[in-house]
Amino acid sequence: MQQVSFWITLVLLLSIASQAKPASPTPVKRKTADGTLVTVIIKGDEKSHALFSTDGYLLLSDGKNSLFYADSNAQISNYPAHDIEQRSEEEKAFLHLLDQEKIKDLYFQ
């Protein structure tokens, strides 16, 4: 009986694990708390995923339906996310200083 239970459990776990699918690479619009629409790309699957701007910046949620850029320590910054054409000069200057690969490495470790 224990062997049957083991095999049933194993089959169930494998079937659940095999259902993990990659996120769609199609950009989607997210409405933030202040009503701003931000185009994001979701990378990952249903177990682990992250949001990115269309030009590759990691975006983090504040838990209140707003998106912010990740800072150089892969933590939420003070800069709300915007689409490229809606960014202020200050926002562009902040983003220019970021090492996107380092941030991704820190976030996903």
C-alpha atoms as a PDB file:
ATOM      1  CA  MET A   1       0.000   0.000   0.000  1.00  0.00           C
ATOM      2  CA  GLN A   2       2.867   2.391   0.796  1.00  0.00           C
ATOM      3  CA  GLN A   3       4.342   1.749  -2.620  1.00  0.00           C
ATOM      4  CA  VAL A   4       1.053   2.657  -4.316  1.00  0.00           C
ATOM      5  CA  SER A   5       0.820   5.874  -2.312  1.00  0.00           C
ATOM      6  CA  PHE A   6       4.388   6.721  -3.231  1.00  0.00           C
ATOM      7  CA  TRP A   7       3.722   6.268  -6.964  1.00  0.00           C
ATOM      8  CA  ILE A   8       0.484   8.256  -6.867  1.00  0.00           C
ATOM      9  CA  THR A   9       2.245  11.094  -5.061  1.00  0.00           C
ATOM     10  CA  LEU A  10       5.141  11.011  -7.521  1.00  0.00           C
ATOM     11  CA  VAL A  11       2.828  11.118 -10.546  1.00  0.00           C
ATOM     12  CA  LEU A  12       0.869  14.031  -9.080  1.00  0.00           C
ATOM     13  CA  LEU A  13       4.022  16.013  -8.327  1.00  0.00           C
ATOM     14  CA  LEU A  14       5.436  15.411 -11.791  1.00  0.00           C
ATOM     15  CA  SER A  15       2.195  16.435 -13.477  1.00  0.00           C
ATOM     16  CA  ILE A  16       2.066  19.670 -11.466  1.00  0.00           C
ATOM     17  CA  ALA A  17       5.725  20.454 -12.221  1.00  0.00           C
ATOM     18  CA  SER A  18       5.245  19.821 -15.943  1.00  0.00           C
ATOM     19  CA  GLN A  19       2.524  22.480 -16.119  1.00  0.00           C
ATOM     20  CA  ALA A  20       4.925  25.362 -15.456  1.00  0.00           C
ATOM     21  CA  LYS A  21       4.860  27.402 -18.649  1.00  0.00           C
ATOM     22  CA  PRO A  22       6.974  30.382 -19.651  1.00  0.00           C
ATOM     23  CA  ALA A  23       5.281  33.772 -19.535  1.00  0.00           C
ATOM     24  CA  SER A  24       4.123  35.214 -22.824  1.00  0.00           C
ATOM     25  CA  PRO A  25       6.751  37.502 -24.370  1.00  0.00           C
ATOM     26  CA  THR A  26       3.981  39.806 -25.612  1.00  0.00           C
ATOM     27  CA  PRO A  27       4.047  43.218 -23.902  1.00  0.00           C
ATOM     28  CA  VAL A  28       0.938  44.043 -21.863  1.00  0.00           C
ATOM     29  CA  LYS A  29      -0.411  47.267 -20.396  1.00  0.00           C
ATOM     30  CA  ARG A  30      -0.645  47.515 -16.591  1.00  0.00           C
ATOM     31  CA  LYS A  31      -2.707  50.237 -14.976  1.00  0.00           C
ATOM     32  CA  THR A  32      -1.022  51.621 -11.871  1.00  0.00           C
ATOM     33  CA  ALA A  33      -2.680  53.112  -8.788  1.00  0.00           C
ATOM     34  CA  ASP A  34      -2.500  56.650 -10.198  1.00  0.00           C
ATOM     35  CA  GLY A  35      -4.099  55.572 -13.486  1.00  0.00           C
ATOM     36  CA  THR A  36      -0.882  55.551 -15.520  1.00  0.00           C
ATOM     37  CA  LEU A  37      -0.658  52.793 -18.126  1.00  0.00           C
ATOM     38  CA  VAL A  38       2.762  51.130 -18.229  1.00  0.00           C
ATOM     39  CA  THR A  39       3.741  48.597 -20.885  1.00  0.00           C
ATOM     40  CA  VAL A  40       5.460  45.618 -19.262  1.00  0.00           C
ATOM     41  CA  ILE A  41       6.974  42.339 -20.328  1.00  0.00           C
ATOM     42  CA  ILE A  42       6.560  39.399 -17.952  1.00  0.00           C
ATOM     43  CA  LYS A  43       9.474  36.972 -17.835  1.00  0.00           C
ATOM     44  CA  GLY A  44       9.366  33.654 -16.033  1.00  0.00           C
ATOM     45  CA  ASP A  45       6.576  31.191 -15.309  1.00  0.00           C
ATOM     46  CA  GLU A  46       3.739  30.897 -12.804  1.00  0.00           C
ATOM     47  CA  LYS A  47       6.151  29.890 -10.050  1.00  0.00           C
ATOM     48  CA  SER A  48       8.640  32.702 -10.497  1.00  0.00           C
ATOM     49  CA  HIS A  49       8.303  35.776 -12.662  1.00  0.00           C
ATOM     50  CA  ALA A  50       9.357  39.389 -12.917  1.00  0.00           C
ATOM     51  CA  LEU A  51       8.141  42.471 -14.742  1.00  0.00           C
ATOM     52  CA  PHE A  52      10.349  44.488 -17.076  1.00  0.00           C
ATOM     53  CA  SER A  53       9.922  47.696 -19.027  1.00  0.00           C
ATOM     54  CA  THR A  54       9.979  47.317 -22.799  1.00  0.00           C
ATOM     55  CA  ASP A  55      13.631  48.418 -22.762  1.00  0.00           C
ATOM     56  CA  GLY A  56      14.629  45.882 -20.100  1.00  0.00           C
ATOM     57  CA  TYR A  57      14.503  47.665 -16.730  1.00  0.00           C
ATOM     58  CA  LEU A  58      13.354  45.525 -13.816  1.00  0.00           C
ATOM     59  CA  LEU A  59      10.076  46.821 -12.361  1.00  0.00           C
ATOM     60  CA  LEU A  60       8.963  46.192  -8.789  1.00  0.00           C
ATOM     61  CA  SER A  61       5.541  46.606  -7.222  1.00  0.00           C
ATOM     62  CA  ASP A  62       5.000  48.516  -4.012  1.00  0.00           C
ATOM     63  CA  GLY A  63       2.107  46.203  -3.130  1.00  0.00           C
ATOM     64  CA  LYS A  64      -0.371  49.010  -3.789  1.00  0.00           C
ATOM     65  CA  ASN A  65      -0.686  48.480  -7.554  1.00  0.00           C
ATOM     66  CA  SER A  66       2.142  50.875  -8.465  1.00  0.00           C
ATOM     67  CA  LEU A  67       5.301  49.941 -10.350  1.00  0.00           C
ATOM     68  CA  PHE A  68       8.747  51.364  -9.662  1.00  0.00           C
ATOM     69  CA  TYR A  69      12.150  50.787 -11.224  1.00  0.00           C
ATOM     70  CA  ALA A  70      14.537  48.588  -9.273  1.00  0.00           C
ATOM     71  CA  ASP A  71      17.542  50.509  -7.947  1.00  0.00           C
ATOM     72  CA  SER A  72      21.188  49.408  -8.153  1.00  0.00           C
ATOM     73  CA  ASN A  73      20.618  47.031  -5.206  1.00  0.00           C
ATOM     74  CA  ALA A  74      17.583  45.412  -6.875  1.00  0.00           C
ATOM     75  CA  GLN A  75      15.303  47.133  -4.355  1.00  0.00           C
ATOM     76  CA  ILE A  76      12.338  49.359  -5.098  1.00  0.00           C
ATOM     77  CA  SER A  77      13.431  52.875  -6.052  1.00  0.00           C
ATOM     78  CA  ASN A  78      11.629  56.195  -5.637  1.00  0.00           C
ATOM     79  CA  TYR A  79      11.038  56.423  -9.384  1.00  0.00           C
ATOM     80  CA  PRO A  80       7.642  55.271 -10.660  1.00  0.00           C
ATOM     81  CA  ALA A  81       7.796  53.360 -13.935  1.00  0.00           C
ATOM     82  CA  HIS A  82       6.700  54.990 -17.186  1.00  0.00           C
ATOM     83  CA  ASP A  83       6.786  54.020 -20.831  1.00  0.00           C
ATOM     84  CA  ILE A  84       9.868  55.318 -22.660  1.00  0.00           C
ATOM     85  CA  GLU A  85       8.117  58.258 -24.295  1.00  0.00           C
ATOM     86  CA  GLN A  86       6.614  59.428 -20.981  1.00  0.00           C
ATOM     87  CA  ARG A  87       9.833  59.525 -18.925  1.00  0.00           C
ATOM     88  CA  SER A  88      11.086  62.736 -17.375  1.00  0.00           C
ATOM     89  CA  GLU A  89      14.689  63.869 -17.790  1.00  0.00           C
ATOM     90  CA  GLU A  90      15.318  63.040 -14.111  1.00  0.00           C
ATOM     91  CA  GLU A  91      13.954  59.538 -14.635  1.00  0.00           C
ATOM     92  CA  LYS A  92      16.135  59.057 -17.728  1.00  0.00           C
ATOM     93  CA  ALA A  93      19.211  60.222 -15.793  1.00  0.00           C
ATOM     94  CA  PHE A  94      18.474  57.744 -12.991  1.00  0.00           C
ATOM     95  CA  LEU A  95      18.017  54.860 -15.436  1.00  0.00           C
ATOM     96  CA  HIS A  96      21.202  55.781 -17.307  1.00  0.00           C
ATOM     97  CA  LEU A  97      23.237  55.116 -14.122  1.00  0.00           C
ATOM     98  CA  LEU A  98      21.880  51.594 -13.613  1.00  0.00           C
ATOM     99  CA  ASP A  99      23.712  48.392 -14.513  1.00  0.00           C
ATOM    100  CA  GLN A 100      20.754  46.296 -15.651  1.00  0.00           C
ATOM    101  CA  GLU A 101      22.652  42.997 -15.694  1.00  0.00           C
ATOM    102  CA  LYS A 102      23.930  43.483 -12.131  1.00  0.00           C
ATOM    103  CA  ILE A 103      20.400  44.301 -10.954  1.00  0.00           C
ATOM    104  CA  LYS A 104      18.977  41.179 -12.616  1.00  0.00           C
ATOM    105  CA  ASP A 105      21.730  39.041 -11.063  1.00  0.00           C
ATOM    106  CA  LEU A 106      20.992  40.457  -7.596  1.00  0.00           C
ATOM    107  CA  TYR A 107      17.240  40.062  -7.984  1.00  0.00           C
ATOM    108  CA  PHE A 108      17.331  36.473  -9.225  1.00  0.00           C
ATOM    109  CA  GLN A 109      19.968  35.105  -6.834  1.00  0.00           C
END
